[in-house]
């Protein structure tokens, strides 16, 4: 049996959850936030503990613009400075997209966004982790 990996929430991930909760409360859909927490606790985190490589590699996405290619190069360099064997991965949930880093035996939940949101805020993400 494979050893379980540790899953840790970053400050940015916790901020994302707070923003999602506020949005759903304003939309009068508190049950949707409860469902998100249930999915995280019952499915997502246990899956990542057992199978941390299950998400698709984020940095292997095709670059369709110079800006994206430059961003990927920057992220690759930043991740390499944190850990030579680190991976940046995406986990697709029912209604959310989760970004996480896999570094040795630890999975760091970096960001979570509703699938209708445009993108992750990488600048804030890296500033929050330093």
C-alpha atoms as a PDB file:
ATOM      1  CA  UNK A   1       0.000   0.000   0.000  1.00  0.00           C
ATOM      2  CA  UNK A   2       1.261   3.457  -0.912  1.00  0.00           C
ATOM      3  CA  UNK A   3       1.972   5.924   1.899  1.00  0.00           C
ATOM      4  CA  UNK A   4      -0.423   8.844   2.168  1.00  0.00           C
ATOM      5  CA  UNK A   5       0.824  12.278   1.252  1.00  0.00           C
ATOM      6  CA  UNK A   6       0.201  15.283   3.479  1.00  0.00           C
ATOM      7  CA  UNK A   7      -2.223  17.882   2.084  1.00  0.00           C
ATOM      8  CA  UNK A   8      -1.755  21.477   3.245  1.00  0.00           C
ATOM      9  CA  UNK A   9      -3.869  24.542   2.526  1.00  0.00           C
ATOM     10  CA  UNK A  10      -2.019  27.741   1.663  1.00  0.00           C
ATOM     11  CA  UNK A  11      -3.146  31.185   2.815  1.00  0.00           C
ATOM     12  CA  UNK A  12      -4.176  31.985  -0.760  1.00  0.00           C
ATOM     13  CA  UNK A  13      -6.358  28.867  -0.931  1.00  0.00           C
ATOM     14  CA  UNK A  14      -8.066  29.833   2.323  1.00  0.00           C
ATOM     15  CA  UNK A  15      -8.666  33.365   0.942  1.00  0.00           C
ATOM     16  CA  UNK A  16     -10.217  31.817  -2.172  1.00  0.00           C
ATOM     17  CA  UNK A  17     -12.596  29.784   0.001  1.00  0.00           C
ATOM     18  CA  UNK A  18     -13.604  32.928   1.905  1.00  0.00           C
ATOM     19  CA  UNK A  19     -14.280  34.746  -1.383  1.00  0.00           C
ATOM     20  CA  UNK A  20     -16.313  31.816  -2.704  1.00  0.00           C
ATOM     21  CA  UNK A  21     -18.335  31.670   0.521  1.00  0.00           C
ATOM     22  CA  UNK A  22     -19.087  35.417   0.395  1.00  0.00           C
ATOM     23  CA  UNK A  23     -20.144  35.178  -3.249  1.00  0.00           C
ATOM     24  CA  UNK A  24     -22.432  32.212  -2.607  1.00  0.00           C
ATOM     25  CA  UNK A  25     -23.971  33.842   0.482  1.00  0.00           C
ATOM     26  CA  UNK A  26     -24.689  36.977  -1.534  1.00  0.00           C
ATOM     27  CA  UNK A  27     -26.241  34.778  -4.230  1.00  0.00           C
ATOM     28  CA  UNK A  28     -28.371  33.161  -1.483  1.00  0.00           C
ATOM     29  CA  UNK A  29     -26.840  29.746  -2.157  1.00  0.00           C
ATOM     30  CA  UNK A  30     -25.170  28.748   1.125  1.00  0.00           C
ATOM     31  CA  UNK A  31     -25.889  25.084   0.351  1.00  0.00           C
ATOM     32  CA  UNK A  32     -23.510  25.367  -2.632  1.00  0.00           C
ATOM     33  CA  UNK A  33     -20.672  26.335  -0.277  1.00  0.00           C
ATOM     34  CA  UNK A  34     -21.536  23.421   2.011  1.00  0.00           C
ATOM     35  CA  UNK A  35     -21.430  21.129  -1.042  1.00  0.00           C
ATOM     36  CA  UNK A  36     -17.991  22.514  -1.971  1.00  0.00           C
ATOM     37  CA  UNK A  37     -16.650  21.844   1.530  1.00  0.00           C
ATOM     38  CA  UNK A  38     -18.139  18.333   1.482  1.00  0.00           C
ATOM     39  CA  UNK A  39     -16.519  17.612  -1.889  1.00  0.00           C
ATOM     40  CA  UNK A  40     -13.145  18.909  -0.650  1.00  0.00           C
ATOM     41  CA  UNK A  41     -13.246  16.912   2.588  1.00  0.00           C
ATOM     42  CA  UNK A  42     -14.896  13.726   1.346  1.00  0.00           C
ATOM     43  CA  UNK A  43     -13.395  13.341  -2.118  1.00  0.00           C
ATOM     44  CA  UNK A  44     -10.729  15.799  -3.243  1.00  0.00           C
ATOM     45  CA  UNK A  45      -8.362  15.791  -0.268  1.00  0.00           C
ATOM     46  CA  UNK A  46      -8.540  11.991   0.264  1.00  0.00           C
ATOM     47  CA  UNK A  47      -7.873  11.495  -3.478  1.00  0.00           C
ATOM     48  CA  UNK A  48      -4.837  13.777  -3.368  1.00  0.00           C
ATOM     49  CA  UNK A  49      -3.534  12.076  -0.217  1.00  0.00           C
ATOM     50  CA  UNK A  50      -3.543   8.730  -2.016  1.00  0.00           C
ATOM     51  CA  UNK A  51      -2.926   9.777  -5.615  1.00  0.00           C
ATOM     52  CA  UNK A  52      -1.121  13.158  -5.674  1.00  0.00           C
ATOM     53  CA  UNK A  53      -0.179  12.784  -9.331  1.00  0.00           C
ATOM     54  CA  UNK A  54      -3.750  12.433 -10.542  1.00  0.00           C
ATOM     55  CA  UNK A  55      -4.196  16.044 -11.622  1.00  0.00           C
ATOM     56  CA  UNK A  56      -2.983  17.089 -15.038  1.00  0.00           C
ATOM     57  CA  UNK A  57       0.382  18.827 -15.228  1.00  0.00           C
ATOM     58  CA  UNK A  58      -0.318  22.536 -15.475  1.00  0.00           C
ATOM     59  CA  UNK A  59       2.987  23.531 -17.049  1.00  0.00           C
ATOM     60  CA  UNK A  60       2.530  21.096 -19.939  1.00  0.00           C
ATOM     61  CA  UNK A  61      -0.441  23.010 -21.324  1.00  0.00           C
ATOM     62  CA  UNK A  62       0.192  24.312 -24.834  1.00  0.00           C
ATOM     63  CA  UNK A  63       1.282  27.938 -25.010  1.00  0.00           C
ATOM     64  CA  UNK A  64      -0.778  29.723 -27.639  1.00  0.00           C
ATOM     65  CA  UNK A  65       0.723  33.169 -27.140  1.00  0.00           C
ATOM     66  CA  UNK A  66       4.023  34.788 -26.254  1.00  0.00           C
ATOM     67  CA  UNK A  67       2.525  35.997 -22.975  1.00  0.00           C
ATOM     68  CA  UNK A  68       1.517  32.478 -21.958  1.00  0.00           C
ATOM     69  CA  UNK A  69       4.926  31.082 -22.972  1.00  0.00           C
ATOM     70  CA  UNK A  70       6.629  33.760 -20.854  1.00  0.00           C
ATOM     71  CA  UNK A  71       4.293  33.043 -17.932  1.00  0.00           C
ATOM     72  CA  UNK A  72       4.996  29.315 -18.116  1.00  0.00           C
ATOM     73  CA  UNK A  73       8.743  29.980 -18.201  1.00  0.00           C
ATOM     74  CA  UNK A  74       8.426  32.228 -15.133  1.00  0.00           C
ATOM     75  CA  UNK A  75       6.324  29.673 -13.241  1.00  0.00           C
ATOM     76  CA  UNK A  76       8.748  26.884 -14.144  1.00  0.00           C
ATOM     77  CA  UNK A  77      11.629  28.948 -12.769  1.00  0.00           C
ATOM     78  CA  UNK A  78       9.737  29.837  -9.568  1.00  0.00           C
ATOM     79  CA  UNK A  79       8.705  26.237  -8.952  1.00  0.00           C
ATOM     80  CA  UNK A  80      12.272  25.072  -9.631  1.00  0.00           C
ATOM     81  CA  UNK A  81      13.585  27.511  -7.025  1.00  0.00           C
ATOM     82  CA  UNK A  82      11.219  25.990  -4.448  1.00  0.00           C
ATOM     83  CA  UNK A  83      11.906  22.348  -5.298  1.00  0.00           C
ATOM     84  CA  UNK A  84      13.710  20.652  -8.165  1.00  0.00           C
ATOM     85  CA  UNK A  85      11.212  17.799  -8.275  1.00  0.00           C
ATOM     86  CA  UNK A  86       8.095  19.921  -7.686  1.00  0.00           C
ATOM     87  CA  UNK A  87       5.054  19.723  -9.918  1.00  0.00           C
ATOM     88  CA  UNK A  88       2.242  22.177 -10.537  1.00  0.00           C
ATOM     89  CA  UNK A  89      -1.036  20.337 -11.238  1.00  0.00           C
ATOM     90  CA  UNK A  90      -4.741  20.990 -11.817  1.00  0.00           C
ATOM     91  CA  UNK A  91      -7.531  18.941 -10.263  1.00  0.00           C
ATOM     92  CA  UNK A  92     -10.943  19.223 -11.861  1.00  0.00           C
ATOM     93  CA  UNK A  93     -13.793  19.093  -9.365  1.00  0.00           C
ATOM     94  CA  UNK A  94     -17.538  19.139 -10.085  1.00  0.00           C
ATOM     95  CA  UNK A  95     -17.784  22.946 -10.416  1.00  0.00           C
ATOM     96  CA  UNK A  96     -14.297  24.084  -9.462  1.00  0.00           C
ATOM     97  CA  UNK A  97     -10.739  23.943 -10.702  1.00  0.00           C
ATOM     98  CA  UNK A  98      -8.084  23.450  -8.055  1.00  0.00           C
ATOM     99  CA  UNK A  99      -4.409  24.313  -8.540  1.00  0.00           C
ATOM    100  CA  UNK A 100      -1.910  22.471  -6.379  1.00  0.00           C
ATOM    101  CA  UNK A 101       1.811  21.926  -6.048  1.00  0.00           C
ATOM    102  CA  UNK A 102       3.225  18.492  -5.372  1.00  0.00           C
ATOM    103  CA  UNK A 103       6.578  18.738  -3.621  1.00  0.00           C
ATOM    104  CA  UNK A 104       8.060  15.515  -2.273  1.00  0.00           C
ATOM    105  CA  UNK A 105       5.522  13.993   0.141  1.00  0.00           C
ATOM    106  CA  UNK A 106       3.358  17.104   0.450  1.00  0.00           C
ATOM    107  CA  UNK A 107       0.513  18.475  -1.654  1.00  0.00           C
ATOM    108  CA  UNK A 108      -0.024  22.237  -1.300  1.00  0.00           C
ATOM    109  CA  UNK A 109      -3.481  23.474  -2.273  1.00  0.00           C
ATOM    110  CA  UNK A 110      -2.651  26.800  -3.928  1.00  0.00           C
ATOM    111  CA  UNK A 111      -5.862  28.124  -5.433  1.00  0.00           C
ATOM    112  CA  UNK A 112      -9.456  27.218  -6.183  1.00  0.00           C
ATOM    113  CA  UNK A 113     -11.725  28.888  -8.714  1.00  0.00           C
ATOM    114  CA  UNK A 114     -15.160  28.254 -10.089  1.00  0.00           C
ATOM    115  CA  UNK A 115     -14.834  26.884 -13.621  1.00  0.00           C
ATOM    116  CA  UNK A 116     -16.512  30.040 -14.972  1.00  0.00           C
ATOM    117  CA  UNK A 117     -13.823  32.306 -13.537  1.00  0.00           C
ATOM    118  CA  UNK A 118     -11.151  33.377 -16.001  1.00  0.00           C
ATOM    119  CA  UNK A 119      -7.842  32.280 -14.472  1.00  0.00           C
ATOM    120  CA  UNK A 120      -5.649  31.903 -11.438  1.00  0.00           C
ATOM    121  CA  UNK A 121      -3.921  35.045 -10.104  1.00  0.00           C
ATOM    122  CA  UNK A 122      -0.332  33.795 -10.274  1.00  0.00           C
ATOM    123  CA  UNK A 123       1.262  37.070  -9.211  1.00  0.00           C
ATOM    124  CA  UNK A 124      -0.683  37.113  -5.936  1.00  0.00           C
ATOM    125  CA  UNK A 125      -0.234  33.368  -5.547  1.00  0.00           C
ATOM    126  CA  UNK A 126       3.567  33.524  -5.546  1.00  0.00           C
ATOM    127  CA  UNK A 127       3.692  36.689  -3.409  1.00  0.00           C
ATOM    128  CA  UNK A 128       1.441  34.991  -0.820  1.00  0.00           C
ATOM    129  CA  UNK A 129       3.708  31.935  -0.604  1.00  0.00           C
ATOM    130  CA  UNK A 130       6.968  33.804  -0.049  1.00  0.00           C
END
